[in-house]
């Protein structure tokens, strides 16, 4: 069975991030991309979905009004 490949824009939508973030994650080695031509990168959908499961957004709680550090 051939793997399903997605574009960086499709991967970004699956991950809920921008395509620039996908590019950064590829450069960092967190995602693996496959070059199909001089300017064409694709990612395996299963690998993107696996990365999406571990994609946790950390939000710092807002400080209470009037609170000081």
C-alpha atoms as a PDB file:
ATOM      1  CA  UNK A   1       0.000   0.000   0.000  1.00  0.00           C
ATOM      2  CA  UNK A   2       1.364   3.409  -0.983  1.00  0.00           C
ATOM      3  CA  UNK A   3       1.581   5.997   1.787  1.00  0.00           C
ATOM      4  CA  UNK A   4      -0.736   8.985   1.553  1.00  0.00           C
ATOM      5  CA  UNK A   5       1.315  12.144   1.142  1.00  0.00           C
ATOM      6  CA  UNK A   6       0.146  15.627   2.100  1.00  0.00           C
ATOM      7  CA  UNK A   7       1.403  19.102   1.277  1.00  0.00           C
ATOM      8  CA  UNK A   8       2.891  21.378   3.910  1.00  0.00           C
ATOM      9  CA  UNK A   9      -0.322  23.403   3.920  1.00  0.00           C
ATOM     10  CA  UNK A  10      -2.392  20.254   4.510  1.00  0.00           C
ATOM     11  CA  UNK A  11       0.005  19.153   7.260  1.00  0.00           C
ATOM     12  CA  UNK A  12      -0.291  22.588   8.865  1.00  0.00           C
ATOM     13  CA  UNK A  13      -4.088  22.290   8.871  1.00  0.00           C
ATOM     14  CA  UNK A  14      -3.902  18.829  10.447  1.00  0.00           C
ATOM     15  CA  UNK A  15      -1.546  20.115  13.140  1.00  0.00           C
ATOM     16  CA  UNK A  16      -3.371  23.384  13.700  1.00  0.00           C
ATOM     17  CA  UNK A  17      -0.241  25.447  13.022  1.00  0.00           C
ATOM     18  CA  UNK A  18       1.081  27.633  10.199  1.00  0.00           C
ATOM     19  CA  UNK A  19       3.018  26.286   7.229  1.00  0.00           C
ATOM     20  CA  UNK A  20       6.044  28.224   8.559  1.00  0.00           C
ATOM     21  CA  UNK A  21       5.833  26.175  11.767  1.00  0.00           C
ATOM     22  CA  UNK A  22       5.741  22.979   9.696  1.00  0.00           C
ATOM     23  CA  UNK A  23       8.894  24.147   7.877  1.00  0.00           C
ATOM     24  CA  UNK A  24      10.601  24.856  11.231  1.00  0.00           C
ATOM     25  CA  UNK A  25       9.633  21.420  12.557  1.00  0.00           C
ATOM     26  CA  UNK A  26      11.032  19.792   9.408  1.00  0.00           C
ATOM     27  CA  UNK A  27      14.323  21.692   9.857  1.00  0.00           C
ATOM     28  CA  UNK A  28      14.426  20.715  13.543  1.00  0.00           C
ATOM     29  CA  UNK A  29      13.879  17.049  12.667  1.00  0.00           C
ATOM     30  CA  UNK A  30      10.515  16.819  14.437  1.00  0.00           C
ATOM     31  CA  UNK A  31       8.785  16.053  11.127  1.00  0.00           C
ATOM     32  CA  UNK A  32      10.159  14.169   8.150  1.00  0.00           C
ATOM     33  CA  UNK A  33       9.530  15.516   4.661  1.00  0.00           C
ATOM     34  CA  UNK A  34      10.138  13.844   1.322  1.00  0.00           C
ATOM     35  CA  UNK A  35      11.418  15.827  -1.648  1.00  0.00           C
ATOM     36  CA  UNK A  36       9.584  14.907  -4.852  1.00  0.00           C
ATOM     37  CA  UNK A  37      11.143  17.598  -7.006  1.00  0.00           C
ATOM     38  CA  UNK A  38      13.334  20.662  -6.739  1.00  0.00           C
ATOM     39  CA  UNK A  39      10.593  22.650  -4.949  1.00  0.00           C
ATOM     40  CA  UNK A  40       8.105  19.966  -3.924  1.00  0.00           C
ATOM     41  CA  UNK A  41       8.019  18.592  -0.371  1.00  0.00           C
ATOM     42  CA  UNK A  42       5.456  16.140   0.932  1.00  0.00           C
ATOM     43  CA  UNK A  43       4.877  14.547   4.317  1.00  0.00           C
ATOM     44  CA  UNK A  44       3.338  11.199   5.170  1.00  0.00           C
ATOM     45  CA  UNK A  45      -0.138  11.757   6.527  1.00  0.00           C
ATOM     46  CA  UNK A  46       0.307   9.033   9.170  1.00  0.00           C
ATOM     47  CA  UNK A  47       3.447  10.735  10.504  1.00  0.00           C
ATOM     48  CA  UNK A  48       1.674  14.107  10.635  1.00  0.00           C
ATOM     49  CA  UNK A  49      -1.293  12.563  12.461  1.00  0.00           C
ATOM     50  CA  UNK A  50       1.088  10.928  14.944  1.00  0.00           C
ATOM     51  CA  UNK A  51       2.761  14.294  15.533  1.00  0.00           C
ATOM     52  CA  UNK A  52      -0.673  15.901  15.986  1.00  0.00           C
ATOM     53  CA  UNK A  53      -1.461  13.497  18.829  1.00  0.00           C
ATOM     54  CA  UNK A  54       1.555  14.798  20.717  1.00  0.00           C
ATOM     55  CA  UNK A  55       0.903  18.413  19.721  1.00  0.00           C
ATOM     56  CA  UNK A  56       0.192  20.078  23.061  1.00  0.00           C
ATOM     57  CA  UNK A  57      -0.290  23.810  23.349  1.00  0.00           C
ATOM     58  CA  UNK A  58       1.023  25.249  26.602  1.00  0.00           C
ATOM     59  CA  UNK A  59      -0.723  28.386  27.715  1.00  0.00           C
ATOM     60  CA  UNK A  60       0.573  30.426  30.608  1.00  0.00           C
ATOM     61  CA  UNK A  61      -2.283  31.552  32.859  1.00  0.00           C
ATOM     62  CA  UNK A  62      -2.884  35.276  32.937  1.00  0.00           C
ATOM     63  CA  UNK A  63      -1.822  37.112  36.068  1.00  0.00           C
ATOM     64  CA  UNK A  64      -4.607  38.196  38.403  1.00  0.00           C
ATOM     65  CA  UNK A  65      -5.457  41.886  38.182  1.00  0.00           C
ATOM     66  CA  UNK A  66      -3.297  43.880  40.562  1.00  0.00           C
ATOM     67  CA  UNK A  67      -0.840  40.993  41.069  1.00  0.00           C
ATOM     68  CA  UNK A  68       2.873  41.793  41.023  1.00  0.00           C
ATOM     69  CA  UNK A  69       5.828  39.572  40.388  1.00  0.00           C
END
